[in-house]
Protein backbone atom coordinates (compact mmCIF):
# COMPACT_ATOMS: atom_id res chain seq x y z
CA UNK A 1 -136.83 -1.09 29.37
CA UNK A 2 -134.21 1.06 31.09
CA UNK A 3 -131.22 -0.89 32.41
CA UNK A 4 -130.09 -0.26 35.97
CA UNK A 5 -126.35 0.34 35.95
CA UNK A 6 -124.50 -0.22 39.22
CA UNK A 7 -120.93 -0.61 37.94
CA UNK A 8 -119.71 0.70 34.58
CA UNK A 9 -116.10 0.51 33.49
CA UNK A 10 -115.51 3.80 31.71
CA UNK A 11 -112.27 2.53 30.17
CA UNK A 12 -111.84 -1.05 28.95
CA UNK A 13 -110.22 -2.37 25.77
CA UNK A 14 -111.20 -4.47 22.80
CA UNK A 15 -108.02 -6.40 22.01
CA UNK A 16 -108.90 -8.65 19.11
CA UNK A 17 -107.13 -10.07 16.08
CA UNK A 18 -107.41 -7.77 13.05
CA UNK A 19 -108.63 -10.79 11.11
CA UNK A 20 -111.95 -10.28 12.90
CA UNK A 21 -112.64 -6.95 11.16
CA UNK A 22 -110.26 -6.41 8.22
CA UNK A 23 -112.51 -8.42 5.84
CA UNK A 24 -114.66 -5.27 5.90
CA UNK A 25 -111.82 -3.27 4.30
CA UNK A 26 -112.53 -2.94 0.55
CA UNK A 27 -110.62 -5.58 -1.39
CA UNK A 28 -108.45 -3.06 -3.27
CA UNK A 29 -107.01 -1.83 0.05
CA UNK A 30 -107.07 -5.03 2.07
CA UNK A 31 -103.47 -6.13 1.44
CA UNK A 32 -102.32 -2.94 3.22
CA UNK A 33 -104.60 -3.37 6.25
CA UNK A 34 -103.23 -4.38 9.68
CA UNK A 35 -102.49 -8.10 9.79
CA UNK A 36 -101.76 -10.74 12.38
CA UNK A 37 -98.29 -12.31 12.53
CA UNK A 38 -96.74 -14.99 14.68
CA UNK A 39 -93.61 -13.88 16.53
CA UNK A 40 -90.48 -15.88 17.30
CA UNK A 41 -91.60 -16.33 20.94
CA UNK A 42 -94.87 -17.92 19.76
CA UNK A 43 -96.92 -14.85 20.59
CA UNK A 44 -99.16 -12.76 18.35
CA UNK A 45 -98.26 -9.41 16.88
CA UNK A 46 -99.85 -6.90 14.52
CA UNK A 47 -98.01 -5.54 11.51
CA UNK A 48 -98.82 -2.15 9.99
CA UNK A 49 -96.64 -0.66 7.30
CA UNK A 50 -94.33 2.08 8.52
CA UNK A 51 -94.64 1.04 12.18
CA UNK A 52 -92.81 -1.33 14.54
CA UNK A 53 -94.67 -4.58 15.13
CA UNK A 54 -97.30 -4.29 17.85
CA UNK A 55 -96.74 -7.00 20.46
CA UNK A 56 -99.63 -8.00 22.71
CA UNK A 57 -97.51 -8.20 25.84
CA UNK A 58 -99.33 -6.71 28.79
CA UNK A 59 -102.38 -5.77 26.70
CA UNK A 60 -103.92 -9.19 27.40
CA UNK A 61 -103.68 -10.49 30.95
CA UNK A 62 -106.78 -11.54 32.85
CA UNK A 63 -104.63 -13.53 35.23
CA UNK A 64 -102.76 -13.07 38.55
CA UNK A 65 -99.87 -10.59 38.56
CA UNK A 66 -97.39 -13.42 39.02
CA UNK A 67 -98.36 -14.80 35.60
CA UNK A 68 -98.15 -11.55 33.60
CA UNK A 69 -95.68 -11.53 30.72
CA UNK A 70 -94.66 -8.93 28.12
CA UNK A 71 -94.19 -11.61 25.47
CA UNK A 72 -95.61 -14.88 24.15
CA UNK A 73 -99.28 -13.82 24.34
CA UNK A 74 -101.98 -14.96 21.91
CA UNK A 75 -105.48 -13.80 21.06
CA UNK A 76 -106.90 -17.29 20.75
CA UNK A 77 -108.70 -18.27 23.95
CA UNK A 78 -107.55 -15.19 25.87
CA UNK A 79 -109.83 -13.22 28.22
CA UNK A 80 -111.06 -10.05 26.57
CA UNK A 81 -110.16 -11.18 23.04
CA UNK A 82 -113.18 -13.25 22.08
CA UNK A 83 -116.71 -12.80 20.83
CA UNK A 84 -119.15 -10.20 22.18
CA UNK A 85 -121.01 -13.02 23.91
CA UNK A 86 -117.78 -14.01 25.66
CA UNK A 87 -117.24 -10.40 26.66
CA UNK A 88 -120.65 -10.13 28.30
CA UNK A 89 -119.93 -13.31 30.28
CA UNK A 90 -116.62 -11.78 31.38
CA UNK A 91 -118.45 -8.67 32.55
CA UNK A 92 -120.75 -10.86 34.61
CA UNK A 93 -117.73 -12.61 36.14
CA UNK A 94 -116.32 -9.22 37.12
CA UNK A 95 -119.56 -7.77 38.46
CA UNK A 96 -119.61 -5.11 35.73
CA UNK A 97 -122.80 -4.03 33.98
CA UNK A 98 -121.20 -2.36 30.94
CA UNK A 99 -117.84 -1.31 29.54
CA UNK A 100 -116.72 1.65 27.46
CA UNK A 101 -114.49 -0.05 24.90
CA UNK A 102 -111.35 1.42 23.38
CA UNK A 103 -109.35 -0.48 20.84
CA UNK A 104 -105.56 -0.85 21.02
CA UNK A 105 -104.35 2.42 22.54
CA UNK A 106 -103.48 4.98 19.87
CA UNK A 107 -104.86 2.89 17.01
CA UNK A 108 -105.60 5.89 14.78
CA UNK A 109 -101.97 7.00 15.05
CA UNK A 110 -100.58 3.46 14.81
CA UNK A 111 -102.57 2.74 11.66
CA UNK A 112 -101.40 6.08 10.22
CA UNK A 113 -98.22 4.25 9.27
CA UNK A 114 -100.35 3.66 6.17
CA UNK A 115 -99.48 6.84 4.31
CA UNK A 116 -102.00 6.40 1.50
CA UNK A 117 -105.01 8.40 2.68
CA UNK A 118 -107.78 6.38 0.98
CA UNK A 119 -106.35 3.13 2.35
CA UNK A 120 -105.98 4.56 5.85
CA UNK A 121 -109.51 5.99 5.87
CA UNK A 122 -110.88 2.65 4.69
CA UNK A 123 -109.12 0.83 7.54
CA UNK A 124 -110.52 3.23 10.14
CA UNK A 125 -114.02 3.01 8.70
CA UNK A 126 -113.91 -0.79 8.50
CA UNK A 127 -113.09 -0.99 12.20
CA UNK A 128 -115.86 1.44 13.12
CA UNK A 129 -118.30 -0.48 10.96
CA UNK A 130 -117.34 -3.75 12.66
CA UNK A 131 -117.64 -2.13 16.07
CA UNK A 132 -121.07 -0.63 15.45
CA UNK A 133 -122.75 -3.17 13.20
CA UNK A 134 -121.35 -6.42 14.54
CA UNK A 135 -119.59 -6.34 17.90
CA UNK A 136 -121.51 -3.77 19.95
CA UNK A 137 -124.77 -4.63 18.22
CA UNK A 138 -124.72 -7.96 20.06
CA UNK A 139 -125.33 -6.18 23.39
CA UNK A 140 -125.65 -2.42 22.82
CA UNK A 141 -126.52 -1.63 26.42
CA UNK A 142 -123.36 -3.37 27.69
CA UNK A 143 -120.75 -3.00 24.94
CA UNK A 144 -120.17 0.74 24.54
CA UNK A 145 -117.63 1.02 21.73
CA UNK A 146 -115.74 4.24 20.98
CA UNK A 147 -115.38 4.92 17.27
CA UNK A 148 -111.99 5.91 15.92
CA UNK A 149 -111.44 9.35 14.36
CA UNK A 150 -109.10 9.37 11.34
CA UNK A 151 -106.11 11.71 11.37
CA UNK A 152 -106.40 12.95 7.79
CA UNK A 153 -108.04 16.31 8.37
CA UNK A 154 -111.26 17.77 9.70
CA UNK A 155 -113.42 16.85 6.69
CA UNK A 156 -112.64 13.16 7.13
CA UNK A 157 -113.01 13.39 10.91
CA UNK A 158 -116.48 14.96 10.67
CA UNK A 159 -117.57 12.48 8.01
CA UNK A 160 -116.54 9.54 10.18
CA UNK A 161 -118.19 10.75 13.39
CA UNK A 162 -121.40 11.35 11.44
CA UNK A 163 -121.27 7.69 10.43
CA UNK A 164 -120.54 6.63 14.03
CA UNK A 165 -123.58 8.55 15.22
CA UNK A 166 -125.86 7.09 12.53
CA UNK A 167 -124.58 3.60 13.31
CA UNK A 168 -125.47 3.97 16.99
CA UNK A 169 -122.08 4.37 18.64
CA UNK A 170 -122.21 6.48 21.80
CA UNK A 171 -118.86 8.20 21.38
CA UNK A 172 -115.52 8.53 19.62
CA UNK A 173 -111.88 8.69 20.70
CA UNK A 174 -109.43 11.33 19.53
CA UNK A 175 -105.67 10.70 19.45
CA UNK A 176 -104.87 14.23 18.31
CA UNK A 177 -106.66 17.47 17.57
CA UNK A 178 -109.27 16.94 14.81
CA UNK A 179 -107.06 18.55 12.17
CA UNK A 180 -104.40 15.95 12.96
CA UNK A 181 -102.04 18.62 14.25
CA UNK A 182 -100.45 18.83 17.70
CA UNK A 183 -102.21 22.10 18.50
CA UNK A 184 -105.76 23.45 18.15
CA UNK A 185 -106.63 25.16 14.87
CA UNK A 186 -109.63 27.18 13.65
CA UNK A 187 -110.66 24.36 11.28
CA UNK A 188 -111.10 22.08 14.33
CA UNK A 189 -114.21 24.06 15.20
CA UNK A 190 -116.25 22.23 12.57
CA UNK A 191 -115.50 19.00 14.41
CA UNK A 192 -116.44 20.38 17.84
CA UNK A 193 -119.66 21.82 16.41
CA UNK A 194 -120.58 18.51 14.78
CA UNK A 195 -119.85 16.50 17.93
CA UNK A 196 -122.05 18.81 20.01
CA UNK A 197 -124.87 18.74 17.46
CA UNK A 198 -124.72 14.93 17.24
CA UNK A 199 -124.66 14.64 21.05
CA UNK A 200 -121.72 12.29 20.64
CA UNK A 201 -119.39 11.70 23.58
CA UNK A 202 -115.89 12.98 22.80
CA UNK A 203 -113.08 11.14 24.56
CA UNK A 204 -109.31 10.77 24.59
CA UNK A 205 -107.46 7.79 25.98
CA UNK A 206 -105.02 9.42 28.46
CA UNK A 207 -104.47 12.40 26.15
CA UNK A 208 -103.70 13.51 22.64
CA UNK A 209 -100.49 12.47 20.93
CA UNK A 210 -97.52 14.15 22.70
CA UNK A 211 -96.53 17.23 20.71
CA UNK A 212 -93.11 17.05 19.09
CA UNK A 213 -93.59 20.39 17.39
CA UNK A 214 -95.64 23.53 18.12
CA UNK A 215 -98.27 23.42 20.86
CA UNK A 216 -100.11 26.59 19.88
CA UNK A 217 -100.65 28.95 16.95
CA UNK A 218 -99.85 32.40 18.31
CA UNK A 219 -101.10 35.68 16.88
CA UNK A 220 -97.58 37.05 17.36
CA UNK A 221 -94.26 35.24 17.30
CA UNK A 222 -91.63 37.43 18.93
CA UNK A 223 -88.07 36.78 17.76
CA UNK A 224 -85.50 35.30 20.08
CA UNK A 225 -87.95 33.45 22.38
CA UNK A 226 -86.94 29.86 23.11
CA UNK A 227 -89.25 26.98 24.06
CA UNK A 228 -88.70 27.89 27.71
CA UNK A 229 -90.51 31.14 26.99
CA UNK A 230 -93.45 29.51 25.20
CA UNK A 231 -96.43 30.52 27.42
CA UNK A 232 -98.64 27.51 26.64
CA UNK A 233 -95.77 25.08 27.25
CA UNK A 234 -95.24 26.77 30.61
CA UNK A 235 -98.87 26.11 31.55
CA UNK A 236 -98.82 22.56 30.17
CA UNK A 237 -95.88 21.76 32.43
CA UNK A 238 -98.21 21.96 35.41
CA UNK A 239 -101.19 20.50 33.60
CA UNK A 240 -99.91 16.92 33.68
CA UNK A 241 -102.53 14.77 31.98
CA UNK A 242 -104.52 17.97 31.44
CA UNK A 243 -102.03 19.35 28.90
CA UNK A 244 -104.32 18.90 25.90
CA UNK A 245 -107.22 20.37 27.87
CA UNK A 246 -105.07 23.41 28.66
CA UNK A 247 -104.43 23.90 24.94
CA UNK A 248 -108.17 23.74 24.23
CA UNK A 249 -108.91 26.19 27.03
CA UNK A 250 -106.35 28.74 25.91
CA UNK A 251 -107.56 28.46 22.30
CA UNK A 252 -111.05 29.51 23.46
CA UNK A 253 -112.68 26.26 22.33
CA UNK A 254 -114.77 25.92 25.49
CA UNK A 255 -115.91 29.54 25.22
CA UNK A 256 -117.09 28.96 21.65
CA UNK A 257 -118.69 25.59 22.45
CA UNK A 258 -120.09 25.80 25.98
CA UNK A 259 -121.81 22.40 25.62
CA UNK A 260 -118.63 20.57 24.61
CA UNK A 261 -117.49 17.95 27.12
CA UNK A 262 -114.43 15.73 26.90
CA UNK A 263 -113.58 12.60 28.87
CA UNK A 264 -109.88 11.91 29.42
CA UNK A 265 -109.65 8.19 30.17
CA UNK A 266 -107.01 6.53 32.37
CA UNK A 267 -105.48 9.72 33.71
CA UNK A 268 -105.93 8.84 37.39
CA UNK A 269 -107.29 11.64 39.54
CA UNK A 270 -105.16 12.16 42.64
CA UNK A 271 -103.24 14.93 40.87
CA UNK A 272 -106.31 16.92 39.81
CA UNK A 273 -106.84 19.40 42.69
CA UNK A 274 -103.12 20.23 42.82
CA UNK A 275 -102.78 20.65 39.05
CA UNK A 276 -105.74 23.00 38.77
CA UNK A 277 -104.31 25.25 41.46
CA UNK A 278 -100.97 25.30 39.66
CA UNK A 279 -102.52 25.97 36.24
CA UNK A 280 -104.34 29.02 37.62
CA UNK A 281 -101.21 30.26 39.36
CA UNK A 282 -99.02 29.96 36.27
CA UNK A 283 -101.72 31.54 34.11
CA UNK A 284 -102.02 34.55 36.41
CA UNK A 285 -98.24 35.03 36.44
CA UNK A 286 -97.91 34.61 32.67
CA UNK A 287 -100.98 36.09 31.04
CA UNK A 288 -99.75 39.70 30.87
CA UNK A 289 -96.52 39.05 28.99
CA UNK A 290 -98.24 36.29 26.99
CA UNK A 291 -100.81 38.78 25.72
CA UNK A 292 -98.23 41.51 25.13
CA UNK A 293 -95.66 39.38 23.31
CA UNK A 294 -97.67 36.49 21.83
CA UNK A 295 -101.12 38.04 21.35
CA UNK A 296 -102.95 35.55 23.59
CA UNK A 297 -106.19 37.12 24.77
CA UNK A 298 -106.97 36.77 28.46
CA UNK A 299 -109.67 34.27 29.37
CA UNK A 300 -113.06 35.26 30.76
CA UNK A 301 -112.48 32.91 33.72
CA UNK A 302 -109.51 31.15 35.33
CA UNK A 303 -108.34 28.08 33.37
CA UNK A 304 -109.40 25.75 36.19
CA UNK A 305 -113.03 26.87 35.76
CA UNK A 306 -113.03 25.61 32.17
CA UNK A 307 -111.37 22.35 33.13
CA UNK A 308 -113.89 21.79 35.92
CA UNK A 309 -116.87 22.51 33.65
CA UNK A 310 -115.83 20.73 30.47
CA UNK A 311 -113.58 17.83 31.44
CA UNK A 312 -114.24 14.40 32.93
CA UNK A 313 -111.41 12.12 34.13
CA UNK A 314 -110.93 8.37 34.42
CA UNK A 315 -109.24 6.39 37.18
CA UNK A 316 -108.39 2.77 37.96
CA UNK A 317 -107.01 1.63 41.32
CA UNK A 318 -106.55 5.08 42.82
CA UNK A 319 -107.58 5.26 46.49
CA UNK A 320 -105.75 8.57 46.98
CA UNK A 321 -107.63 10.04 44.04
CA UNK A 322 -110.99 8.90 45.39
CA UNK A 323 -110.25 10.60 48.71
CA UNK A 324 -109.07 13.93 47.35
CA UNK A 325 -111.66 14.12 44.57
CA UNK A 326 -114.50 13.85 47.05
CA UNK A 327 -113.53 17.45 47.81
CA UNK A 328 -112.93 18.23 44.11
CA UNK A 329 -116.02 17.03 42.24
CA UNK A 330 -117.32 13.47 42.37
CA UNK A 331 -119.53 14.24 39.35
CA UNK A 332 -116.54 14.57 36.99
CA UNK A 333 -114.63 11.32 37.61
CA UNK A 334 -115.29 7.76 36.42
CA UNK A 335 -113.95 4.40 37.58
CA UNK A 336 -112.62 1.83 35.10
CA UNK A 337 -111.18 -1.69 35.18
CA UNK A 338 -108.92 -1.37 32.07
CA UNK A 339 -109.71 -5.01 31.18
CA UNK A 340 -107.91 -6.92 29.69
CA UNK A 341 -104.80 -4.75 30.23
CA UNK A 342 -102.39 -5.45 33.06
CA UNK A 343 -103.48 -2.40 35.08
CA UNK A 344 -106.82 -4.11 35.71
CA UNK A 345 -107.84 -6.83 38.15
CA UNK A 346 -110.40 -8.89 36.24
CA UNK A 347 -112.27 -10.90 37.44
CA UNK A 348 -111.78 -9.38 40.91
CA UNK A 349 -112.68 -5.74 40.30
CA UNK A 350 -115.14 -5.92 43.20
CA UNK A 351 -112.18 -6.31 45.57
CA UNK A 352 -110.54 -3.18 44.18
CA UNK A 353 -113.83 -1.29 44.38
CA UNK A 354 -114.29 -2.19 48.04
CA UNK A 355 -110.70 -1.17 48.77
CA UNK A 356 -110.70 2.25 47.12
CA UNK A 357 -114.26 3.22 48.10
CA UNK A 358 -114.00 2.28 51.77
CA UNK A 359 -115.96 4.81 53.80
CA UNK A 360 -117.34 6.64 50.74
CA UNK A 361 -121.09 7.41 51.03
CA UNK A 362 -123.31 5.34 48.75
CA UNK A 363 -124.46 8.28 46.64
CA UNK A 364 -120.91 9.44 45.89
CA UNK A 365 -119.79 5.89 45.23
CA UNK A 366 -122.60 5.39 42.72
CA UNK A 367 -121.71 8.60 40.88
CA UNK A 368 -118.10 7.49 40.38
CA UNK A 369 -118.92 3.85 39.62
CA UNK A 370 -121.85 4.29 37.25
CA UNK A 371 -123.91 7.49 37.41
CA UNK A 372 -121.37 9.76 35.73
CA UNK A 373 -120.72 7.27 32.92
CA UNK A 374 -124.45 6.75 32.33
CA UNK A 375 -124.94 10.49 31.91
CA UNK A 376 -121.78 11.24 29.93
CA UNK A 377 -122.27 8.40 27.42
CA UNK A 378 -126.08 8.71 27.29
CA UNK A 379 -126.54 5.10 28.28
CA UNK A 380 -130.18 5.62 29.19
């Protein structure tokens, strides 16, 4: 029987103790898996080798703003940190029919503090296995978990998303380009092709890891050009949260894979119309010298056309964004409650929804609250 979805959070979080899923890590690697620790303030933290301790802080709230705290938080008994059955009850309290579930933001990169590749891959797979076979399996039409993509190269990334697809997950989350680099590479194409063939939703939470090094592999590298003269960096400056999407566009990924779609969660949307105008303007001013000096081929269409066709965006409490995006494209934006993070308003999301959608026609409201998510994540 097809479920009727009225409200879907396209960006929520599964904040749970690693003890819930690390028993699935093979025993020979388990002593290097993430582990729970008690902090001096009485709160919970997660330790991963090579990384600072992760402190729950504002990742678990589910309470009035006046009671939020960046320290002293525990998983035990907290909203959003319990069993799948508890989570479904919490959805009912909030008037939400389903949630797209991300784990701790940037988990693939955080866990990459584990430098031994087999151990790291085993940790990622154990989490995905728990997500698919245990947690989401309890209510697959309401708990829409995003599998994690390892950052150890394209072969491992493709292998893991094939498992996620077989196991029934609706999508995966990338923290970087599939090769693990900070810029698109030709080997990434095997990942994009596999994701399209598997009909698996590709997502990023906010964006890919901020690039500390190169942002593009140029055909030519003229001597004496500083970062201020890097053409892709110039375009990314006006791309805001769309920076990674600009890199993909300029690398021709969307031309090669016209069915590829990417959802950028928790970007907000009020900036979108302005940014797309600016990206086109900068592109038009830069593309001639960029092609002459750096060997970047001109696009078949303006950059904004690719971003409009291939990218979906997530928003929380963003009344300005709802207003301006009614003129942009209501079919490419998705509401989220961010539960149990502090940016959300559980269990009073209905109040926020009424506030930000005041005066919005029912059909447009439904698209942003549920219809777009149902289609993008293949919920029916």
